[in-house]
Amino acid sequence: MSTRTTRRRAVLGACGLAASAAGLGAFHALATGRGLVARSRVGLAFGTTISLTVAGTDLEGMEAALTEGVAAMRAVEHEASLFRADSALSRLNREGRLDAPPGHLTALLSFALDLASKTGGAFDPTVQPLWPLWSRAAEAGGRPGDAVLRDCLARIGWRKVRASPDAIVLEPGTEVTLNAVVQGYAADVVMAALTRRGIADAFVDTGEFGALGTHPDGSPWRLGIADPRHKGEVAAVITPFTGFAATSGDYNMTFSPDYSDHHIFDPATGRSPKGLSSVTVTAPSGLVADGLSTACMVLGRERGGALVAGYPGCTVRFAEKA
């Protein structure tokens, strides 16, 4: 499964937003058709670009909703992002124990461990030690040897995590990553904050995607799925797009030019799964979409399809290795 956040797909119909390297900036546009005004925030989080867009006529209310959405996203980042050394998750990995774990981290880890159980460990939040191992080997122009991989795999296993409302405890040498679920979860949390503020039309990009209502001009939201082998091209378009979607793929963070070694790992072998180049899952929840897309990359088409079929309201699209 994935240990690092990547930018894995293309978006259509998101009001033409651009990333702001300076942090969360504002973007304003007057939409036509329904006479609604679009308001957006763009910036960086979870190691990628993010954007939140809302539409309506109550400008003050829209700005307040965006502010609340950003705050909700930052709360998730503060608890569960490995890109922040001061996050609760980073502290857990350093110290091996976290007392009174915060709510977002607890919810994410609970889901990740449940999915690990349901997939027989094909999805496993303890694969974090594989990332630096493969990164160092790739920088040296090679791959980790079998003996080194075996030593690393001894530190991996979702049963090495004990989680309760009172504390999360890791076995010595174990480290947790939630990068395979945190962006989808953040989309859930942000969308919930927007709807609490009465927003009826919104598009959320936290690295995974959520959409509510329609585009400000009245047309459906559209989500483009990146072609895994042709950079900048779109392989398919989901339209109308509502709910949540996540894509996992082999193409944006790779350790080999032929895509055989990449950032998604099979916890059983420590190597990348070979059958698929990308998986896109749509779901009523960003958390579910994010986790299932990664699990399917490891499970493959047949077992992955069976997994997704067990989650109501979900669909899956597979792209085979070219």
Protein backbone atom coordinates (compact mmCIF):
# COMPACT_ATOMS: atom_id res chain seq x y z
CA MET A 1 0.00 0.00 0.00
CA SER A 2 0.99 3.62 -0.31
CA THR A 3 3.41 5.29 2.08
CA ARG A 4 3.54 8.69 0.49
CA THR A 5 1.05 11.16 -0.86
CA THR A 6 1.18 11.72 -4.61
CA ARG A 7 -0.66 13.80 -7.18
CA ARG A 8 -2.41 11.00 -9.08
CA ARG A 9 -5.20 12.34 -11.30
CA ALA A 10 -6.57 15.21 -13.32
CA VAL A 11 -9.63 17.34 -12.62
CA LEU A 12 -12.11 18.91 -14.97
CA GLY A 13 -14.73 21.45 -14.02
CA ALA A 14 -13.16 22.70 -10.81
CA CYS A 15 -13.39 26.41 -11.69
CA GLY A 16 -9.89 26.50 -13.18
CA LEU A 17 -8.09 26.62 -9.86
CA ALA A 18 -4.34 26.99 -9.67
CA ALA A 19 -2.02 26.05 -6.82
CA SER A 20 -0.62 28.69 -4.51
CA ALA A 21 2.83 27.88 -3.23
CA ALA A 22 2.52 30.61 -0.61
CA GLY A 23 -0.17 28.76 1.33
CA LEU A 24 -3.93 29.01 1.23
CA GLY A 25 -4.80 31.90 -1.04
CA ALA A 26 -8.15 33.10 -2.35
CA PHE A 27 -9.56 32.75 -5.83
CA HIS A 28 -12.74 34.54 -6.89
CA ALA A 29 -14.86 34.06 -10.00
CA LEU A 30 -18.32 35.18 -11.03
CA ALA A 31 -20.15 32.23 -12.57
CA THR A 32 -22.74 32.64 -15.31
CA GLY A 33 -26.07 30.92 -15.80
CA ARG A 34 -27.42 30.81 -12.26
CA GLY A 35 -25.91 34.10 -11.18
CA LEU A 36 -23.92 32.46 -8.39
CA VAL A 37 -20.54 33.62 -7.21
CA ALA A 38 -17.76 31.09 -6.73
CA ARG A 39 -15.30 31.46 -3.88
CA SER A 40 -12.22 29.26 -3.51
CA ARG A 41 -9.17 28.68 -1.35
CA VAL A 42 -6.05 27.05 -2.78
CA GLY A 43 -2.79 26.00 -1.18
CA LEU A 44 -0.63 23.16 0.05
CA ALA A 45 -1.41 20.34 2.46
CA PHE A 46 -0.55 16.65 2.83
CA GLY A 47 2.41 17.17 0.53
CA THR A 48 0.26 18.20 -2.43
CA THR A 49 -1.86 21.06 -3.78
CA ILE A 50 -5.39 21.40 -2.46
CA SER A 51 -8.41 23.53 -3.35
CA LEU A 52 -11.87 24.16 -1.93
CA THR A 53 -14.59 25.77 -4.03
CA VAL A 54 -18.08 26.82 -2.98
CA ALA A 55 -20.86 28.65 -4.83
CA GLY A 56 -23.78 30.75 -3.68
CA THR A 57 -25.02 34.29 -3.16
CA ASP A 58 -24.18 34.85 0.52
CA LEU A 59 -20.60 36.01 0.15
CA GLU A 60 -19.98 36.43 3.85
CA GLY A 61 -21.39 32.98 4.58
CA MET A 62 -19.32 31.43 1.80
CA GLU A 63 -16.10 32.93 3.13
CA ALA A 64 -16.94 31.71 6.62
CA ALA A 65 -17.61 28.23 5.24
CA LEU A 66 -14.25 28.18 3.44
CA THR A 67 -12.46 29.32 6.58
CA GLU A 68 -14.13 26.54 8.56
CA GLY A 69 -13.31 24.00 5.84
CA VAL A 70 -9.65 24.98 5.85
CA ALA A 71 -9.52 24.79 9.64
CA ALA A 72 -11.05 21.31 9.54
CA MET A 73 -8.46 20.17 7.02
CA ARG A 74 -5.61 21.63 9.07
CA ALA A 75 -6.88 19.77 12.13
CA VAL A 76 -6.64 16.48 10.25
CA GLU A 77 -3.18 17.40 8.98
CA HIS A 78 -2.01 18.30 12.48
CA GLU A 79 -3.05 14.90 13.79
CA ALA A 80 -2.33 12.47 10.97
CA SER A 81 0.13 13.87 8.41
CA LEU A 82 3.64 12.44 8.11
CA PHE A 83 4.63 15.67 6.36
CA ARG A 84 4.49 17.42 9.75
CA ALA A 85 7.10 16.48 12.32
CA ASP A 86 4.83 17.83 15.06
CA SER A 87 1.77 15.76 14.09
CA ALA A 88 0.36 13.24 16.53
CA LEU A 89 1.19 10.46 14.05
CA SER A 90 4.81 11.56 13.75
CA ARG A 91 5.09 11.59 17.54
CA LEU A 92 3.59 8.10 17.68
CA ASN A 93 6.19 6.79 15.24
CA ARG A 94 9.05 8.43 17.12
CA GLU A 95 7.98 7.33 20.59
CA GLY A 96 6.10 4.09 19.89
CA ARG A 97 3.22 5.15 22.12
CA LEU A 98 0.64 7.91 22.12
CA ASP A 99 -1.58 8.43 25.15
CA ALA A 100 -5.04 9.99 24.80
CA PRO A 101 -4.85 9.91 20.97
CA PRO A 102 -6.84 12.66 19.23
CA GLY A 103 -10.10 11.94 17.43
CA HIS A 104 -9.07 12.19 13.77
CA LEU A 105 -6.04 9.96 14.29
CA THR A 106 -8.13 7.43 16.20
CA ALA A 107 -10.81 7.33 13.48
CA LEU A 108 -8.27 6.95 10.69
CA LEU A 109 -6.30 4.21 12.42
CA SER A 110 -9.47 2.35 13.36
CA PHE A 111 -10.59 2.31 9.73
CA ALA A 112 -7.12 1.32 8.49
CA LEU A 113 -6.85 -1.59 10.92
CA ASP A 114 -10.36 -2.77 10.06
CA LEU A 115 -9.54 -2.67 6.34
CA ALA A 116 -6.31 -4.56 7.04
CA SER A 117 -8.35 -7.27 8.72
CA LYS A 118 -10.90 -7.43 5.89
CA THR A 119 -8.19 -7.70 3.23
CA GLY A 120 -6.05 -10.26 5.03
CA GLY A 121 -3.30 -7.67 5.39
CA ALA A 122 -3.19 -6.61 1.73
CA PHE A 123 -3.91 -3.15 3.09
CA ASP A 124 -1.58 -2.48 6.01
CA PRO A 125 -0.87 0.86 7.72
CA THR A 126 2.49 -0.35 9.05
CA VAL A 127 4.34 -0.42 5.71
CA GLN A 128 5.99 2.94 6.44
CA PRO A 129 9.51 1.43 6.94
CA LEU A 130 9.50 0.31 3.29
CA TRP A 131 9.42 3.88 1.99
CA PRO A 132 12.93 5.01 3.12
CA LEU A 133 14.33 1.60 2.21
CA TRP A 134 13.15 1.84 -1.40
CA SER A 135 13.95 5.54 -1.63
CA ARG A 136 17.57 5.01 -0.60
CA ALA A 137 17.98 2.06 -2.96
CA ALA A 138 16.53 4.00 -5.89
CA GLU A 139 18.81 6.95 -5.21
CA ALA A 140 21.74 4.53 -5.40
CA GLY A 141 20.45 3.17 -8.71
CA GLY A 142 19.29 -0.20 -7.42
CA ARG A 143 16.65 -2.13 -5.53
CA PRO A 144 16.65 -3.44 -1.95
CA GLY A 145 18.14 -6.92 -1.67
CA ASP A 146 16.14 -9.88 -0.42
CA ALA A 147 17.88 -10.00 2.96
CA VAL A 148 17.31 -6.29 3.59
CA LEU A 149 13.67 -6.64 2.61
CA ARG A 150 13.22 -9.60 4.95
CA ASP A 151 14.63 -7.57 7.84
CA CYS A 152 12.30 -4.69 7.03
CA LEU A 153 9.25 -6.96 6.69
CA ALA A 154 9.87 -8.22 10.23
CA ARG A 155 8.85 -4.74 11.41
CA ILE A 156 5.62 -4.74 9.40
CA GLY A 157 2.23 -6.16 10.36
CA TRP A 158 -1.02 -4.49 11.32
CA ARG A 159 -1.33 -6.74 14.37
CA LYS A 160 1.74 -4.98 15.78
CA VAL A 161 -0.51 -1.99 16.56
CA ARG A 162 -2.67 -1.89 19.68
CA ALA A 163 -5.20 0.90 19.58
CA SER A 164 -7.74 1.97 22.17
CA PRO A 165 -9.34 5.28 23.16
CA ASP A 166 -6.72 5.54 25.91
CA ALA A 167 -3.54 4.86 23.94
CA ILE A 168 -1.99 3.64 20.72
CA VAL A 169 1.01 1.37 21.22
CA LEU A 170 3.40 0.10 18.53
CA GLU A 171 5.72 -2.88 18.82
CA PRO A 172 9.40 -1.86 18.70
CA GLY A 173 10.49 -0.90 15.19
CA THR A 174 6.92 -0.56 13.88
CA GLU A 175 5.86 2.67 12.18
CA VAL A 176 2.44 3.72 10.89
CA THR A 177 1.48 5.61 7.74
CA LEU A 178 -2.03 6.85 7.05
CA ASN A 179 -1.18 8.43 3.70
CA ALA A 180 -3.34 5.87 1.93
CA VAL A 181 -6.46 7.19 3.70
CA VAL A 182 -5.82 10.64 5.14
CA GLN A 183 -6.61 12.71 2.05
CA GLY A 184 -9.91 10.97 1.46
CA TYR A 185 -10.78 11.41 5.13
CA ALA A 186 -9.84 15.08 4.90
CA ALA A 187 -12.26 15.47 1.97
CA ASP A 188 -15.01 14.03 4.19
CA VAL A 189 -14.19 16.38 7.04
CA VAL A 190 -13.98 19.45 4.81
CA MET A 191 -17.24 18.67 3.02
CA ALA A 192 -18.97 18.15 6.36
CA ALA A 193 -17.75 21.57 7.51
CA LEU A 194 -19.06 23.21 4.33
CA THR A 195 -22.47 21.58 4.55
CA ARG A 196 -22.80 22.58 8.20
CA ARG A 197 -22.52 26.15 6.92
CA GLY A 198 -25.35 25.58 4.46
CA ILE A 199 -23.26 25.18 1.31
CA ALA A 200 -25.21 23.33 -1.39
CA ASP A 201 -22.66 23.44 -4.25
CA ALA A 202 -19.01 22.60 -3.61
CA PHE A 203 -15.96 20.90 -5.06
CA VAL A 204 -13.22 19.74 -2.70
CA ASP A 205 -9.73 18.63 -3.74
CA THR A 206 -7.58 17.46 -0.85
CA GLY A 207 -5.57 15.16 -3.11
CA GLU A 208 -8.73 13.06 -3.30
CA PHE A 209 -12.01 14.56 -4.43
CA GLY A 210 -15.51 15.35 -3.25
CA ALA A 211 -18.37 17.14 -5.00
CA LEU A 212 -21.76 18.39 -3.86
CA GLY A 213 -24.54 19.82 -6.00
CA THR A 214 -23.42 21.26 -9.33
CA HIS A 215 -20.92 23.64 -10.88
CA PRO A 216 -21.81 27.32 -10.31
CA ASP A 217 -22.99 27.62 -13.92
CA GLY A 218 -25.49 24.81 -13.37
CA SER A 219 -23.61 22.10 -15.27
CA PRO A 220 -22.58 18.89 -13.49
CA TRP A 221 -19.25 18.62 -11.78
CA ARG A 222 -16.88 16.50 -13.89
CA LEU A 223 -13.89 14.51 -12.67
CA GLY A 224 -11.17 13.47 -15.08
CA ILE A 225 -9.17 10.33 -14.36
CA ALA A 226 -5.53 10.63 -15.36
CA ASP A 227 -4.15 8.32 -18.02
CA PRO A 228 -1.49 6.29 -16.17
CA ARG A 229 0.81 6.09 -19.20
CA HIS A 230 0.31 9.44 -20.94
CA LYS A 231 1.14 12.33 -18.67
CA GLY A 232 -1.31 15.21 -18.85
CA GLU A 233 -3.95 13.17 -20.67
CA VAL A 234 -7.31 12.04 -19.31
CA ALA A 235 -8.29 8.39 -19.65
CA ALA A 236 -11.94 8.78 -18.59
CA VAL A 237 -14.33 11.36 -17.20
CA ILE A 238 -16.86 10.80 -14.43
CA THR A 239 -19.89 12.95 -15.16
CA PRO A 240 -21.95 13.89 -13.33
CA PHE A 241 -19.61 13.63 -10.38
CA THR A 242 -21.04 13.79 -6.88
CA GLY A 243 -19.89 12.11 -3.71
CA PHE A 244 -16.23 11.17 -3.41
CA ALA A 245 -13.51 9.58 -5.55
CA ALA A 246 -9.94 8.41 -5.06
CA THR A 247 -7.32 7.07 -7.43
CA SER A 248 -4.23 5.01 -6.63
CA GLY A 249 -1.65 4.45 -9.35
CA ASP A 250 1.89 3.35 -10.13
CA TYR A 251 2.87 6.32 -12.26
CA ASN A 252 3.50 9.45 -10.23
CA MET A 253 5.89 8.22 -7.54
CA THR A 254 8.00 5.51 -9.10
CA PHE A 255 11.35 3.97 -8.26
CA SER A 256 11.92 2.54 -11.76
CA PRO A 257 11.35 3.91 -15.26
CA ASP A 258 9.16 0.96 -16.26
CA TYR A 259 6.76 1.55 -13.30
CA SER A 260 7.46 -1.90 -11.86
CA ASP A 261 8.69 -0.40 -8.57
CA HIS A 262 6.57 2.38 -7.11
CA HIS A 263 5.18 3.84 -3.90
CA ILE A 264 2.45 1.24 -3.35
CA PHE A 265 3.76 -1.85 -1.60
CA ASP A 266 2.43 -5.36 -1.12
CA PRO A 267 2.92 -5.88 2.64
CA ALA A 268 3.53 -9.60 2.08
CA THR A 269 6.56 -9.10 -0.16
CA GLY A 270 7.76 -5.55 0.39
CA ARG A 271 7.64 -5.04 -3.37
CA SER A 272 5.11 -3.31 -5.60
CA PRO A 273 2.10 -5.24 -6.95
CA LYS A 274 2.40 -5.95 -10.67
CA GLY A 275 -1.08 -6.33 -12.15
CA LEU A 276 -2.60 -2.84 -12.27
CA SER A 277 -1.45 0.63 -13.23
CA SER A 278 -4.30 2.48 -11.50
CA VAL A 279 -7.55 2.03 -9.61
CA THR A 280 -10.28 4.64 -9.16
CA VAL A 281 -13.02 4.12 -6.59
CA THR A 282 -16.11 6.29 -6.13
CA ALA A 283 -17.90 6.09 -2.79
CA PRO A 284 -20.24 7.94 -0.43
CA SER A 285 -17.15 8.59 1.72
CA GLY A 286 -13.71 9.85 0.77
CA LEU A 287 -12.15 7.70 3.47
CA VAL A 288 -13.69 4.56 2.00
CA ALA A 289 -12.78 5.52 -1.58
CA ASP A 290 -9.17 6.24 -0.61
CA GLY A 291 -8.63 3.05 1.34
CA LEU A 292 -10.32 0.80 -1.20
CA SER A 293 -8.37 2.21 -4.15
CA THR A 294 -5.07 1.36 -2.46
CA ALA A 295 -6.25 -2.06 -1.31
CA CYS A 296 -7.37 -2.89 -4.85
CA MET A 297 -3.92 -2.10 -6.24
CA VAL A 298 -2.53 -4.87 -4.04
CA LEU A 299 -5.44 -7.30 -4.36
CA GLY A 300 -5.78 -7.05 -8.15
CA ARG A 301 -8.88 -6.88 -10.31
CA GLU A 302 -10.75 -10.01 -9.18
CA ARG A 303 -10.24 -9.81 -5.42
CA GLY A 304 -10.34 -6.02 -5.44
CA GLY A 305 -13.63 -6.01 -7.32
CA ALA A 306 -15.10 -8.42 -4.76
CA LEU A 307 -13.91 -6.17 -1.93
CA VAL A 308 -15.50 -3.04 -3.42
CA ALA A 309 -18.75 -4.92 -4.09
CA GLY A 310 -19.10 -5.37 -0.32
CA TYR A 311 -19.29 -1.60 0.24
CA PRO A 312 -22.69 -0.09 -0.64
CA GLY A 313 -22.70 2.77 -3.13
CA CYS A 314 -19.15 2.17 -4.37
CA THR A 315 -17.86 1.67 -7.92
CA VAL A 316 -14.39 0.78 -9.18
CA ARG A 317 -12.46 1.34 -12.41
CA PHE A 318 -9.29 -0.67 -13.11
CA ALA A 319 -6.46 0.12 -15.51
CA GLU A 320 -4.26 -2.84 -16.33
CA LYS A 321 -0.50 -2.59 -16.66
CA ALA A 322 0.40 -1.53 -20.18
